[in-house]
């Protein structure tokens, strides 16, 4: 089973690769959770997309994504939008 550092590394690399063309800035690790059965890691990261205009530059919107990873082999299962609480 992988440890928390490995799960975070896989999740952040996955988000960077999948959304590479969208020029993400100010990426942050928000949460990490291991499922009760220890089979899945849930890693939430946030970022701001590079602004496309003045309005976006004045009011950047932080987006949150939760990446689900199998703890046995590090395979990414999903990436979902996570709304802040």
PDB file of N, CA and C in Angstrom:
ATOM      1  N   UNK A   1       0.842  -1.189   0.000  1.00  0.00           N
ATOM      2  CA  UNK A   1       0.000   0.000   0.000  1.00  0.00           C
ATOM      3  C   UNK A   1       0.885   1.249   0.000  1.00  0.00           C
ATOM      4  N   UNK A   2       0.491   2.216  -0.784  1.00  0.00           N
ATOM      5  CA  UNK A   2       1.276   3.446  -0.872  1.00  0.00           C
ATOM      6  C   UNK A   2       1.013   4.341   0.334  1.00  0.00           C
ATOM      7  N   UNK A   3       1.957   5.220   0.611  1.00  0.00           N
ATOM      8  CA  UNK A   3       1.778   6.154   1.722  1.00  0.00           C
ATOM      9  C   UNK A   3       1.204   7.472   1.215  1.00  0.00           C
ATOM     10  N   UNK A   4       0.935   8.381   2.128  1.00  0.00           N
ATOM     11  CA  UNK A   4       0.278   9.644   1.806  1.00  0.00           C
ATOM     12  C   UNK A   4       1.094  10.488   0.826  1.00  0.00           C
ATOM     13  N   UNK A   5       2.395  10.514   0.977  1.00  0.00           N
ATOM     14  CA  UNK A   5       3.237  11.315   0.082  1.00  0.00           C
ATOM     15  C   UNK A   5       3.145  10.812  -1.362  1.00  0.00           C
ATOM     16  N   UNK A   6       3.113   9.519  -1.524  1.00  0.00           N
ATOM     17  CA  UNK A   6       2.992   8.947  -2.866  1.00  0.00           C
ATOM     18  C   UNK A   6       1.633   9.291  -3.475  1.00  0.00           C
ATOM     19  N   UNK A   7       0.576   9.197  -2.670  1.00  0.00           N
ATOM     20  CA  UNK A   7      -0.765   9.518  -3.164  1.00  0.00           C
ATOM     21  C   UNK A   7      -0.852  10.975  -3.599  1.00  0.00           C
ATOM     22  N   UNK A   8      -0.296  11.872  -2.806  1.00  0.00           N
ATOM     23  CA  UNK A   8      -0.314  13.299  -3.143  1.00  0.00           C
ATOM     24  C   UNK A   8       0.471  13.550  -4.429  1.00  0.00           C
ATOM     25  N   UNK A   9       1.613  12.919  -4.554  1.00  0.00           N
ATOM     26  CA  UNK A   9       2.436  13.083  -5.754  1.00  0.00           C
ATOM     27  C   UNK A   9       1.691  12.616  -7.005  1.00  0.00           C
ATOM     28  N   UNK A  10       1.051  11.474  -6.928  1.00  0.00           N
ATOM     29  CA  UNK A  10       0.296  10.951  -8.065  1.00  0.00           C
ATOM     30  C   UNK A  10      -0.844  11.896  -8.423  1.00  0.00           C
ATOM     31  N   UNK A  11      -1.579  12.364  -7.420  1.00  0.00           N
ATOM     32  CA  UNK A  11      -2.728  13.244  -7.665  1.00  0.00           C
ATOM     33  C   UNK A  11      -2.310  14.566  -8.285  1.00  0.00           C
ATOM     34  N   UNK A  12      -1.281  15.196  -7.753  1.00  0.00           N
ATOM     35  CA  UNK A  12      -0.871  16.497  -8.276  1.00  0.00           C
ATOM     36  C   UNK A  12      -0.305  16.365  -9.687  1.00  0.00           C
ATOM     37  N   UNK A  13       0.439  15.309  -9.925  1.00  0.00           N
ATOM     38  CA  UNK A  13       0.978  15.072 -11.273  1.00  0.00           C
ATOM     39  C   UNK A  13      -0.161  14.823 -12.261  1.00  0.00           C
ATOM     40  N   UNK A  14      -1.167  14.059 -11.840  1.00  0.00           N
ATOM     41  CA  UNK A  14      -2.314  13.763 -12.699  1.00  0.00           C
ATOM     42  C   UNK A  14      -3.055  15.045 -13.076  1.00  0.00           C
ATOM     43  N   UNK A  15      -3.347  15.895 -12.110  1.00  0.00           N
ATOM     44  CA  UNK A  15      -4.047  17.159 -12.381  1.00  0.00           C
ATOM     45  C   UNK A  15      -3.214  18.025 -13.321  1.00  0.00           C
ATOM     46  N   UNK A  16      -1.917  18.128 -13.066  1.00  0.00           N
ATOM     47  CA  UNK A  16      -1.037  18.918 -13.928  1.00  0.00           C
ATOM     48  C   UNK A  16      -1.056  18.412 -15.372  1.00  0.00           C
ATOM     49  N   UNK A  17      -1.017  17.102 -15.537  1.00  0.00           N
ATOM     50  CA  UNK A  17      -0.981  16.524 -16.884  1.00  0.00           C
ATOM     51  C   UNK A  17      -2.319  16.661 -17.605  1.00  0.00           C
ATOM     52  N   UNK A  18      -3.407  16.361 -16.920  1.00  0.00           N
ATOM     53  CA  UNK A  18      -4.726  16.385 -17.553  1.00  0.00           C
ATOM     54  C   UNK A  18      -5.145  17.807 -17.912  1.00  0.00           C
ATOM     55  N   UNK A  19      -4.795  18.761 -17.077  1.00  0.00           N
ATOM     56  CA  UNK A  19      -5.213  20.146 -17.298  1.00  0.00           C
ATOM     57  C   UNK A  19      -4.057  21.038 -17.761  1.00  0.00           C
ATOM     58  N   UNK A  20      -3.025  20.458 -18.333  1.00  0.00           N
ATOM     59  CA  UNK A  20      -1.814  21.187 -18.719  1.00  0.00           C
ATOM     60  C   UNK A  20      -2.088  22.357 -19.662  1.00  0.00           C
ATOM     61  N   UNK A  21      -2.989  22.185 -20.586  1.00  0.00           N
ATOM     62  CA  UNK A  21      -3.268  23.238 -21.567  1.00  0.00           C
ATOM     63  C   UNK A  21      -4.019  24.418 -20.965  1.00  0.00           C
ATOM     64  N   UNK A  22      -4.517  24.279 -19.745  1.00  0.00           N
ATOM     65  CA  UNK A  22      -5.331  25.325 -19.141  1.00  0.00           C
ATOM     66  C   UNK A  22      -4.538  26.264 -18.237  1.00  0.00           C
ATOM     67  N   UNK A  23      -3.239  26.074 -18.149  1.00  0.00           N
ATOM     68  CA  UNK A  23      -2.333  26.966 -17.423  1.00  0.00           C
ATOM     69  C   UNK A  23      -2.820  27.272 -16.010  1.00  0.00           C
ATOM     70  N   UNK A  24      -2.620  26.301 -15.138  1.00  0.00           N
ATOM     71  CA  UNK A  24      -3.032  26.433 -13.751  1.00  0.00           C
ATOM     72  C   UNK A  24      -1.968  27.180 -12.961  1.00  0.00           C
ATOM     73  N   UNK A  25      -2.427  28.012 -12.027  1.00  0.00           N
ATOM     74  CA  UNK A  25      -1.495  28.741 -11.163  1.00  0.00           C
ATOM     75  C   UNK A  25      -1.941  28.581  -9.714  1.00  0.00           C
ATOM     76  N   UNK A  26      -1.017  28.806  -8.807  1.00  0.00           N
ATOM     77  CA  UNK A  26      -1.276  28.776  -7.368  1.00  0.00           C
ATOM     78  C   UNK A  26      -1.929  27.465  -6.923  1.00  0.00           C
ATOM     79  N   UNK A  27      -1.355  26.338  -7.349  1.00  0.00           N
ATOM     80  CA  UNK A  27      -1.882  25.034  -6.949  1.00  0.00           C
ATOM     81  C   UNK A  27      -1.597  24.791  -5.470  1.00  0.00           C
ATOM     82  N   UNK A  28      -2.573  24.179  -4.789  1.00  0.00           N
ATOM     83  CA  UNK A  28      -2.450  23.900  -3.351  1.00  0.00           C
ATOM     84  C   UNK A  28      -3.014  22.522  -3.035  1.00  0.00           C
ATOM     85  N   UNK A  29      -2.387  21.861  -2.081  1.00  0.00           N
ATOM     86  CA  UNK A  29      -2.948  20.645  -1.519  1.00  0.00           C
ATOM     87  C   UNK A  29      -3.963  21.072  -0.469  1.00  0.00           C
ATOM     88  N   UNK A  30      -5.190  20.556  -0.568  1.00  0.00           N
ATOM     89  CA  UNK A  30      -6.247  20.948   0.367  1.00  0.00           C
ATOM     90  C   UNK A  30      -6.555  19.862   1.392  1.00  0.00           C
ATOM     91  N   UNK A  31      -6.755  18.640   0.941  1.00  0.00           N
ATOM     92  CA  UNK A  31      -7.118  17.541   1.839  1.00  0.00           C
ATOM     93  C   UNK A  31      -6.583  16.221   1.317  1.00  0.00           C
ATOM     94  N   UNK A  32      -6.337  15.316   2.256  1.00  0.00           N
ATOM     95  CA  UNK A  32      -5.977  13.941   1.909  1.00  0.00           C
ATOM     96  C   UNK A  32      -6.711  13.025   2.880  1.00  0.00           C
ATOM     97  N   UNK A  33      -7.339  11.996   2.330  1.00  0.00           N
ATOM     98  CA  UNK A  33      -8.079  11.061   3.177  1.00  0.00           C
ATOM     99  C   UNK A  33      -7.925   9.650   2.631  1.00  0.00           C
ATOM    100  N   UNK A  34      -7.705   8.717   3.534  1.00  0.00           N
ATOM    101  CA  UNK A  34      -7.658   7.298   3.192  1.00  0.00           C
ATOM    102  C   UNK A  34      -9.016   6.699   3.541  1.00  0.00           C
ATOM    103  N   UNK A  35      -9.604   5.931   2.625  1.00  0.00           N
ATOM    104  CA  UNK A  35     -10.916   5.331   2.882  1.00  0.00           C
ATOM    105  C   UNK A  35     -10.840   4.392   4.089  1.00  0.00           C
ATOM    106  N   UNK A  36     -11.988   4.142   4.686  1.00  0.00           N
ATOM    107  CA  UNK A  36     -12.043   3.284   5.872  1.00  0.00           C
ATOM    108  C   UNK A  36     -11.476   1.895   5.615  1.00  0.00           C
ATOM    109  N   UNK A  37     -11.688   1.374   4.416  1.00  0.00           N
ATOM    110  CA  UNK A  37     -11.154   0.044   4.083  1.00  0.00           C
ATOM    111  C   UNK A  37      -9.714   0.105   3.568  1.00  0.00           C
ATOM    112  N   UNK A  38      -9.155   1.310   3.523  1.00  0.00           N
ATOM    113  CA  UNK A  38      -7.766   1.573   3.109  1.00  0.00           C
ATOM    114  C   UNK A  38      -7.477   1.177   1.656  1.00  0.00           C
ATOM    115  N   UNK A  39      -8.515   1.128   0.834  1.00  0.00           N
ATOM    116  CA  UNK A  39      -8.318   0.768  -0.572  1.00  0.00           C
ATOM    117  C   UNK A  39      -8.166   1.984  -1.480  1.00  0.00           C
ATOM    118  N   UNK A  40      -8.633   3.153  -1.022  1.00  0.00           N
ATOM    119  CA  UNK A  40      -8.606   4.351  -1.862  1.00  0.00           C
ATOM    120  C   UNK A  40      -8.081   5.557  -1.103  1.00  0.00           C
ATOM    121  N   UNK A  41      -7.326   6.369  -1.826  1.00  0.00           N
ATOM    122  CA  UNK A  41      -6.924   7.688  -1.336  1.00  0.00           C
ATOM    123  C   UNK A  41      -7.786   8.721  -2.045  1.00  0.00           C
ATOM    124  N   UNK A  42      -8.233   9.716  -1.291  1.00  0.00           N
ATOM    125  CA  UNK A  42      -8.956  10.857  -1.845  1.00  0.00           C
ATOM    126  C   UNK A  42      -8.081  12.083  -1.605  1.00  0.00           C
ATOM    127  N   UNK A  43      -7.577  12.651  -2.675  1.00  0.00           N
ATOM    128  CA  UNK A  43      -6.667  13.796  -2.576  1.00  0.00           C
ATOM    129  C   UNK A  43      -7.334  14.996  -3.238  1.00  0.00           C
ATOM    130  N   UNK A  44      -7.551  16.050  -2.470  1.00  0.00           N
ATOM    131  CA  UNK A  44      -8.170  17.257  -3.015  1.00  0.00           C
ATOM    132  C   UNK A  44      -7.108  18.319  -3.212  1.00  0.00           C
ATOM    133  N   UNK A  45      -7.058  18.836  -4.431  1.00  0.00           N
ATOM    134  CA  UNK A  45      -6.143  19.934  -4.770  1.00  0.00           C
ATOM    135  C   UNK A  45      -6.970  21.106  -5.290  1.00  0.00           C
ATOM    136  N   UNK A  46      -6.415  22.284  -5.161  1.00  0.00           N
ATOM    137  CA  UNK A  46      -7.098  23.461  -5.698  1.00  0.00           C
ATOM    138  C   UNK A  46      -6.110  24.263  -6.530  1.00  0.00           C
ATOM    139  N   UNK A  47      -6.667  25.127  -7.367  1.00  0.00           N
ATOM    140  CA  UNK A  47      -5.844  25.945  -8.254  1.00  0.00           C
ATOM    141  C   UNK A  47      -6.695  27.072  -8.805  1.00  0.00           C
ATOM    142  N   UNK A  48      -6.012  28.005  -9.428  1.00  0.00           N
ATOM    143  CA  UNK A  48      -6.661  29.094 -10.161  1.00  0.00           C
ATOM    144  C   UNK A  48      -6.189  28.966 -11.601  1.00  0.00           C
ATOM    145  N   UNK A  49      -7.109  29.123 -12.526  1.00  0.00           N
ATOM    146  CA  UNK A  49      -6.719  29.107 -13.943  1.00  0.00           C
ATOM    147  C   UNK A  49      -6.153  30.480 -14.312  1.00  0.00           C
ATOM    148  N   UNK A  50      -5.180  30.482 -15.207  1.00  0.00           N
ATOM    149  CA  UNK A  50      -4.603  31.746 -15.659  1.00  0.00           C
ATOM    150  C   UNK A  50      -5.712  32.633 -16.209  1.00  0.00           C
ATOM    151  N   UNK A  51      -5.797  33.883 -15.742  1.00  0.00           N
ATOM    152  CA  UNK A  51      -6.892  34.755 -16.197  1.00  0.00           C
ATOM    153  C   UNK A  51      -6.817  35.038 -17.697  1.00  0.00           C
ATOM    154  N   UNK A  52      -8.002  35.105 -18.315  1.00  0.00           N
ATOM    155  CA  UNK A  52      -8.087  35.380 -19.751  1.00  0.00           C
ATOM    156  C   UNK A  52      -8.430  36.835 -20.031  1.00  0.00           C
ATOM    157  N   UNK A  53      -8.784  37.554 -19.008  1.00  0.00           N
ATOM    158  CA  UNK A  53      -9.158  38.949 -19.202  1.00  0.00           C
ATOM    159  C   UNK A  53      -9.108  39.697 -17.883  1.00  0.00           C
ATOM    160  N   UNK A  54      -9.395  40.968 -17.924  1.00  0.00           N
ATOM    161  CA  UNK A  54      -9.322  41.815 -16.744  1.00  0.00           C
ATOM    162  C   UNK A  54     -10.287  41.365 -15.651  1.00  0.00           C
ATOM    163  N   UNK A  55     -11.508  41.012 -16.028  1.00  0.00           N
ATOM    164  CA  UNK A  55     -12.503  40.597 -15.025  1.00  0.00           C
ATOM    165  C   UNK A  55     -12.020  39.371 -14.257  1.00  0.00           C
ATOM    166  N   UNK A  56     -11.463  38.390 -14.958  1.00  0.00           N
ATOM    167  CA  UNK A  56     -10.945  37.190 -14.301  1.00  0.00           C
ATOM    168  C   UNK A  56      -9.717  37.510 -13.460  1.00  0.00           C
ATOM    169  N   UNK A  57      -8.899  38.441 -13.903  1.00  0.00           N
ATOM    170  CA  UNK A  57      -7.703  38.814 -13.153  1.00  0.00           C
ATOM    171  C   UNK A  57      -8.072  39.502 -11.844  1.00  0.00           C
ATOM    172  N   UNK A  58      -9.143  40.281 -11.869  1.00  0.00           N
ATOM    173  CA  UNK A  58      -9.573  40.983 -10.662  1.00  0.00           C
ATOM    174  C   UNK A  58     -10.273  40.062  -9.668  1.00  0.00           C
ATOM    175  N   UNK A  59     -10.939  39.032 -10.187  1.00  0.00           N
ATOM    176  CA  UNK A  59     -11.658  38.095  -9.326  1.00  0.00           C
ATOM    177  C   UNK A  59     -11.322  36.655  -9.703  1.00  0.00           C
ATOM    178  N   UNK A  60     -10.109  36.207  -9.374  1.00  0.00           N
ATOM    179  CA  UNK A  60      -9.772  34.824  -9.722  1.00  0.00           C
ATOM    180  C   UNK A  60     -10.637  33.849  -8.920  1.00  0.00           C
ATOM    181  N   UNK A  61     -11.030  32.769  -9.568  1.00  0.00           N
ATOM    182  CA  UNK A  61     -11.865  31.766  -8.926  1.00  0.00           C
ATOM    183  C   UNK A  61     -11.040  30.520  -8.655  1.00  0.00           C
ATOM    184  N   UNK A  62     -11.012  30.105  -7.397  1.00  0.00           N
ATOM    185  CA  UNK A  62     -10.295  28.894  -7.025  1.00  0.00           C
ATOM    186  C   UNK A  62     -11.188  27.694  -7.319  1.00  0.00           C
ATOM    187  N   UNK A  63     -10.610  26.696  -7.972  1.00  0.00           N
ATOM    188  CA  UNK A  63     -11.320  25.466  -8.289  1.00  0.00           C
ATOM    189  C   UNK A  63     -10.735  24.326  -7.464  1.00  0.00           C
ATOM    190  N   UNK A  64     -11.582  23.373  -7.126  1.00  0.00           N
ATOM    191  CA  UNK A  64     -11.181  22.236  -6.301  1.00  0.00           C
ATOM    192  C   UNK A  64     -11.477  20.944  -7.053  1.00  0.00           C
ATOM    193  N   UNK A  65     -10.516  20.037  -7.036  1.00  0.00           N
ATOM    194  CA  UNK A  65     -10.684  18.730  -7.670  1.00  0.00           C
ATOM    195  C   UNK A  65     -10.252  17.656  -6.671  1.00  0.00           C
ATOM    196  N   UNK A  66     -11.067  16.600  -6.571  1.00  0.00           N
ATOM    197  CA  UNK A  66     -10.697  15.458  -5.750  1.00  0.00           C
ATOM    198  C   UNK A  66     -10.319  14.308  -6.667  1.00  0.00           C
ATOM    199  N   UNK A  67      -9.113  13.817  -6.477  1.00  0.00           N
ATOM    200  CA  UNK A  67      -8.586  12.706  -7.265  1.00  0.00           C
ATOM    201  C   UNK A  67      -8.656  11.452  -6.392  1.00  0.00           C
ATOM    202  N   UNK A  68      -9.265  10.394  -6.923  1.00  0.00           N
ATOM    203  CA  UNK A  68      -9.375   9.126  -6.214  1.00  0.00           C
ATOM    204  C   UNK A  68      -8.347   8.165  -6.787  1.00  0.00           C
ATOM    205  N   UNK A  69      -7.547   7.569  -5.892  1.00  0.00           N
ATOM    206  CA  UNK A  69      -6.424   6.723  -6.301  1.00  0.00           C
ATOM    207  C   UNK A  69      -6.494   5.393  -5.558  1.00  0.00           C
ATOM    208  N   UNK A  70      -6.271   4.292  -6.263  1.00  0.00           N
ATOM    209  CA  UNK A  70      -6.195   2.985  -5.614  1.00  0.00           C
ATOM    210  C   UNK A  70      -4.917   2.927  -4.787  1.00  0.00           C
ATOM    211  N   UNK A  71      -5.038   2.563  -3.532  1.00  0.00           N
ATOM    212  CA  UNK A  71      -3.861   2.541  -2.664  1.00  0.00           C
ATOM    213  C   UNK A  71      -2.928   1.372  -2.972  1.00  0.00           C
ATOM    214  N   UNK A  72      -3.442   0.303  -3.559  1.00  0.00           N
ATOM    215  CA  UNK A  72      -2.609  -0.863  -3.843  1.00  0.00           C
ATOM    216  C   UNK A  72      -1.606  -0.627  -4.969  1.00  0.00           C
ATOM    217  N   UNK A  73      -2.069   0.072  -6.040  1.00  0.00           N
ATOM    218  CA  UNK A  73      -1.195   0.202  -7.207  1.00  0.00           C
ATOM    219  C   UNK A  73      -1.016   1.631  -7.725  1.00  0.00           C
ATOM    220  N   UNK A  74      -1.671   2.606  -7.094  1.00  0.00           N
ATOM    221  CA  UNK A  74      -1.506   3.994  -7.508  1.00  0.00           C
ATOM    222  C   UNK A  74      -2.285   4.389  -8.742  1.00  0.00           C
ATOM    223  N   UNK A  75      -3.188   3.549  -9.193  1.00  0.00           N
ATOM    224  CA  UNK A  75      -3.984   3.850 -10.382  1.00  0.00           C
ATOM    225  C   UNK A  75      -5.052   4.887 -10.047  1.00  0.00           C
ATOM    226  N   UNK A  76      -5.126   5.927 -10.878  1.00  0.00           N
ATOM    227  CA  UNK A  76      -6.138   6.965 -10.684  1.00  0.00           C
ATOM    228  C   UNK A  76      -7.484   6.428 -11.151  1.00  0.00           C
ATOM    229  N   UNK A  77      -8.478   6.535 -10.280  1.00  0.00           N
ATOM    230  CA  UNK A  77      -9.831   6.071 -10.585  1.00  0.00           C
ATOM    231  C   UNK A  77     -10.711   7.171 -11.146  1.00  0.00           C
ATOM    232  N   UNK A  78     -10.552   8.375 -10.585  1.00  0.00           N
ATOM    233  CA  UNK A  78     -11.411   9.481 -11.029  1.00  0.00           C
ATOM    234  C   UNK A  78     -10.838  10.818 -10.578  1.00  0.00           C
ATOM    235  N   UNK A  79     -11.361  11.869 -11.215  1.00  0.00           N
ATOM    236  CA  UNK A  79     -11.117  13.234 -10.784  1.00  0.00           C
ATOM    237  C   UNK A  79     -12.470  13.933 -10.855  1.00  0.00           C
ATOM    238  N   UNK A  80     -12.902  14.460  -9.711  1.00  0.00           N
ATOM    239  CA  UNK A  80     -14.218  15.083  -9.649  1.00  0.00           C
ATOM    240  C   UNK A  80     -14.117  16.507  -9.114  1.00  0.00           C
ATOM    241  N   UNK A  81     -15.091  17.313  -9.493  1.00  0.00           N
ATOM    242  CA  UNK A  81     -15.209  18.658  -8.957  1.00  0.00           C
ATOM    243  C   UNK A  81     -15.613  18.549  -7.504  1.00  0.00           C
ATOM    244  N   UNK A  82     -14.965  19.324  -6.662  1.00  0.00           N
ATOM    245  CA  UNK A  82     -15.351  19.365  -5.260  1.00  0.00           C
ATOM    246  C   UNK A  82     -15.715  20.783  -4.908  1.00  0.00           C
ATOM    247  N   UNK A  83     -16.906  20.970  -4.403  1.00  0.00           N
ATOM    248  CA  UNK A  83     -17.349  22.287  -3.983  1.00  0.00           C
ATOM    249  C   UNK A  83     -16.847  22.549  -2.575  1.00  0.00           C
ATOM    250  N   UNK A  84     -16.305  23.741  -2.299  1.00  0.00           N
ATOM    251  CA  UNK A  84     -15.840  24.039  -0.948  1.00  0.00           C
ATOM    252  C   UNK A  84     -16.998  24.039   0.040  1.00  0.00           C
ATOM    253  N   UNK A  85     -16.732  23.619   1.242  1.00  0.00           N
ATOM    254  CA  UNK A  85     -17.782  23.558   2.274  1.00  0.00           C
ATOM    255  C   UNK A  85     -18.132  24.933   2.783  1.00  0.00           C
TER     256      UNK A  85
END
